[in-house]
Amino acid sequence: MKKIILTLVCAICFLGAEAQYKFPALDASPADFVIYPLKAANTGAPAKIKVSYSRPAKKGREIFGTLEAFGKVWRAGANESTQIQFYVPVTVGGKSIAAGTYSLFAIPDKDKWTIILNSATNRWGAYSYDQTKDIARVDVPVKTLPDVVENFSITFTDKPGGANLVMGWDKTAVELPITFQ
């Protein structure tokens, strides 16, 4: 009888001691990253650029000019501000940029966007954006896409001596030319 009671007590203690974790729900704007060259991770080629960002969805909304106001600083994504890491020195908009990590912001307008590289990193959104920490600002033309891009997306295209960082959402895309030094 003592063995049965001891066994029951041990079983109850063991069951009560099981770890209980509460994991957060999935994020509505999932985090993602893109590396240049695009096949670097698969081929073992050294990465030159990495962008970490969150991907908000259109969800039937009017994006530019409404959800993301024209003329206002935007974090170029959702949640934390978008981060761009250069593993090599680059030139952006005629300005030399040292290898390092920067925040990437944008000021969308109807016909052009101002793309901003800023030295303040690890920020939530654009709420604490500080223009005095801008490293470079480059105006790039808006391109109209034939099809809707449901989730904000970033990729790269090749260009001689560098890459174009391409951002697209809804029916809008922009390209930021980057040259490797």
Protein backbone atom coordinates (compact mmCIF):
# COMPACT_ATOMS: atom_id res chain seq x y z
CA MET A 1 0.00 0.00 0.00
CA LYS A 2 2.84 2.39 0.85
CA LYS A 3 4.38 1.70 -2.56
CA ILE A 4 1.10 2.54 -4.33
CA ILE A 5 0.72 5.82 -2.41
CA LEU A 6 4.38 6.72 -3.03
CA THR A 7 3.95 5.94 -6.74
CA LEU A 8 0.82 8.13 -6.95
CA VAL A 9 2.53 11.02 -5.15
CA CYS A 10 5.55 10.78 -7.48
CA ALA A 11 3.28 10.67 -10.54
CA ILE A 12 1.34 13.73 -9.40
CA CYS A 13 4.57 15.63 -8.69
CA PHE A 14 6.00 14.63 -12.07
CA LEU A 15 2.88 15.72 -13.98
CA GLY A 16 2.76 19.01 -12.08
CA ALA A 17 6.42 19.66 -12.83
CA GLU A 18 5.98 19.48 -16.62
CA ALA A 19 7.08 22.71 -18.24
CA GLN A 20 4.23 24.84 -19.53
CA TYR A 21 5.15 27.36 -22.20
CA LYS A 22 2.96 29.95 -23.80
CA PHE A 23 4.30 30.78 -27.23
CA PRO A 24 3.19 33.98 -28.99
CA ALA A 25 0.76 33.79 -31.90
CA LEU A 26 2.10 34.07 -35.43
CA ASP A 27 2.95 37.61 -36.46
CA ALA A 28 0.60 39.18 -39.01
CA SER A 29 3.65 40.75 -40.71
CA PRO A 30 6.26 37.97 -40.66
CA ALA A 31 9.96 38.72 -40.48
CA ASP A 32 12.05 37.89 -43.52
CA PHE A 33 15.48 38.60 -44.93
CA VAL A 34 17.15 38.70 -48.32
CA ILE A 35 20.87 38.33 -49.05
CA TYR A 36 22.85 39.51 -52.06
CA PRO A 37 24.00 37.69 -54.08
CA LEU A 38 20.64 35.94 -53.99
CA LYS A 39 22.18 32.45 -54.20
CA ALA A 40 24.94 33.18 -51.67
CA ALA A 41 23.38 30.96 -49.00
CA ASN A 42 23.10 28.05 -51.45
CA THR A 43 26.48 28.36 -53.13
CA GLY A 44 28.70 29.40 -50.24
CA ALA A 45 29.54 32.67 -52.02
CA PRO A 46 30.25 35.46 -49.56
CA ALA A 47 27.30 37.73 -48.86
CA LYS A 48 27.70 41.41 -49.73
CA ILE A 49 24.35 42.75 -48.44
CA LYS A 50 21.66 41.47 -46.09
CA VAL A 51 18.28 43.12 -45.50
CA SER A 52 16.11 42.11 -42.52
CA TYR A 53 12.51 43.33 -42.59
CA SER A 54 8.89 42.48 -41.81
CA ARG A 55 6.33 41.89 -44.56
CA PRO A 56 2.96 43.60 -44.06
CA ALA A 57 0.06 42.47 -46.27
CA LYS A 58 -2.17 44.61 -48.47
CA LYS A 59 -5.39 42.91 -47.25
CA GLY A 60 -7.51 44.89 -49.73
CA ARG A 61 -6.28 48.24 -48.41
CA GLU A 62 -5.12 51.28 -50.35
CA ILE A 63 -1.40 51.33 -49.51
CA PHE A 64 0.56 54.33 -50.75
CA GLY A 65 -1.04 57.70 -50.15
CA THR A 66 -3.45 56.22 -47.58
CA LEU A 67 -2.06 53.52 -45.26
CA GLU A 68 1.46 54.83 -45.87
CA ALA A 69 1.03 58.57 -46.28
CA PHE A 70 2.85 60.41 -49.04
CA GLY A 71 5.63 62.65 -47.74
CA LYS A 72 6.02 60.86 -44.36
CA VAL A 73 8.90 58.69 -43.17
CA TRP A 74 8.04 54.99 -43.32
CA ARG A 75 10.03 52.08 -41.86
CA ALA A 76 9.97 50.25 -45.24
CA GLY A 77 8.14 47.28 -43.80
CA ALA A 78 6.36 46.60 -40.52
CA ASN A 79 7.26 46.18 -36.86
CA GLU A 80 10.95 46.95 -36.23
CA SER A 81 12.63 49.31 -38.66
CA THR A 82 14.17 47.56 -41.64
CA GLN A 83 17.90 46.85 -41.26
CA ILE A 84 20.42 46.72 -44.08
CA GLN A 85 23.86 45.28 -43.50
CA PHE A 86 26.68 45.93 -45.95
CA TYR A 87 29.51 43.41 -45.64
CA VAL A 88 31.64 45.46 -48.03
CA PRO A 89 31.95 49.22 -48.59
CA VAL A 90 29.37 50.51 -51.09
CA THR A 91 28.32 53.67 -52.86
CA VAL A 92 24.67 54.73 -52.63
CA GLY A 93 23.51 57.91 -54.33
CA GLY A 94 27.10 59.01 -54.92
CA LYS A 95 27.90 58.69 -51.20
CA SER A 96 30.47 56.22 -49.86
CA ILE A 97 29.00 53.98 -47.16
CA ALA A 98 31.24 51.94 -44.88
CA ALA A 99 30.56 48.27 -44.26
CA GLY A 100 28.14 48.07 -41.32
CA THR A 101 24.49 47.95 -40.32
CA TYR A 102 22.02 50.75 -40.96
CA SER A 103 18.27 51.34 -40.74
CA LEU A 104 16.48 51.63 -44.06
CA PHE A 105 13.59 54.09 -44.27
CA ALA A 106 11.59 55.51 -47.16
CA ILE A 107 9.51 58.59 -47.81
CA PRO A 108 7.00 57.48 -50.45
CA ASP A 109 5.50 59.96 -52.87
CA LYS A 110 3.36 59.45 -55.95
CA ASP A 111 6.19 59.72 -58.50
CA LYS A 112 9.33 59.14 -56.39
CA TRP A 113 10.53 57.76 -53.09
CA THR A 114 13.33 59.09 -50.95
CA ILE A 115 15.30 56.12 -49.64
CA ILE A 116 17.16 56.81 -46.40
CA LEU A 117 20.08 55.01 -44.77
CA ASN A 118 20.26 55.95 -41.09
CA SER A 119 22.86 55.06 -38.44
CA ALA A 120 20.33 54.48 -35.62
CA THR A 121 19.50 50.77 -35.59
CA ASN A 122 17.29 48.43 -33.58
CA ARG A 123 14.30 50.79 -33.46
CA TRP A 124 10.59 50.02 -33.49
CA GLY A 125 9.07 51.44 -36.64
CA ALA A 126 9.84 55.02 -37.60
CA TYR A 127 8.57 56.52 -34.34
CA SER A 128 12.04 57.48 -33.10
CA TYR A 129 13.44 58.31 -36.55
CA ASP A 130 16.13 61.00 -36.22
CA GLN A 131 17.04 62.79 -39.44
CA THR A 132 20.36 63.97 -37.93
CA LYS A 133 21.52 60.33 -38.08
CA ASP A 134 20.94 60.01 -41.84
CA ILE A 135 23.96 58.63 -43.70
CA ALA A 136 22.46 58.95 -47.19
CA ARG A 137 19.22 60.02 -48.91
CA VAL A 138 18.51 59.02 -52.49
CA ASP A 139 15.47 59.86 -54.63
CA VAL A 140 14.37 56.99 -56.86
CA PRO A 141 11.50 56.92 -59.39
CA VAL A 142 8.33 54.90 -58.76
CA LYS A 143 7.53 52.10 -61.19
CA THR A 144 3.98 50.81 -61.62
CA LEU A 145 3.68 47.03 -61.54
CA PRO A 146 1.24 45.14 -63.77
CA ASP A 147 0.15 42.87 -60.89
CA VAL A 148 -0.48 43.42 -57.18
CA VAL A 149 2.23 42.35 -54.73
CA GLU A 150 0.17 41.25 -51.70
CA ASN A 151 2.99 41.32 -49.12
CA PHE A 152 5.67 44.00 -49.03
CA SER A 153 8.75 42.39 -50.60
CA ILE A 154 12.43 43.16 -51.03
CA THR A 155 14.82 41.52 -53.47
CA PHE A 156 17.91 42.33 -55.51
CA THR A 157 18.68 42.48 -59.21
CA ASP A 158 22.18 42.41 -60.64
CA LYS A 159 23.74 45.49 -62.18
CA PRO A 160 27.29 46.03 -63.42
CA GLY A 161 29.55 46.58 -60.41
CA GLY A 162 26.74 46.18 -57.88
CA ALA A 163 23.09 45.46 -57.30
CA ASN A 164 19.70 47.14 -57.27
CA LEU A 165 17.74 46.79 -54.04
CA VAL A 166 14.13 46.40 -55.22
CA MET A 167 11.16 47.09 -52.94
CA GLY A 168 7.61 46.32 -54.06
CA TRP A 169 4.14 46.39 -52.56
CA ASP A 170 0.68 46.70 -54.06
CA LYS A 171 1.32 47.93 -57.62
CA THR A 172 4.39 50.01 -56.72
CA ALA A 173 8.09 49.22 -56.98
CA VAL A 174 11.30 51.20 -56.56
CA GLU A 175 14.95 50.35 -57.20
CA LEU A 176 17.89 51.65 -55.18
CA PRO A 177 21.17 51.33 -57.12
CA ILE A 178 24.10 50.12 -54.98
CA THR A 179 27.68 49.98 -56.27
CA PHE A 180 30.42 47.93 -54.61
CA GLN A 181 33.66 49.78 -53.93
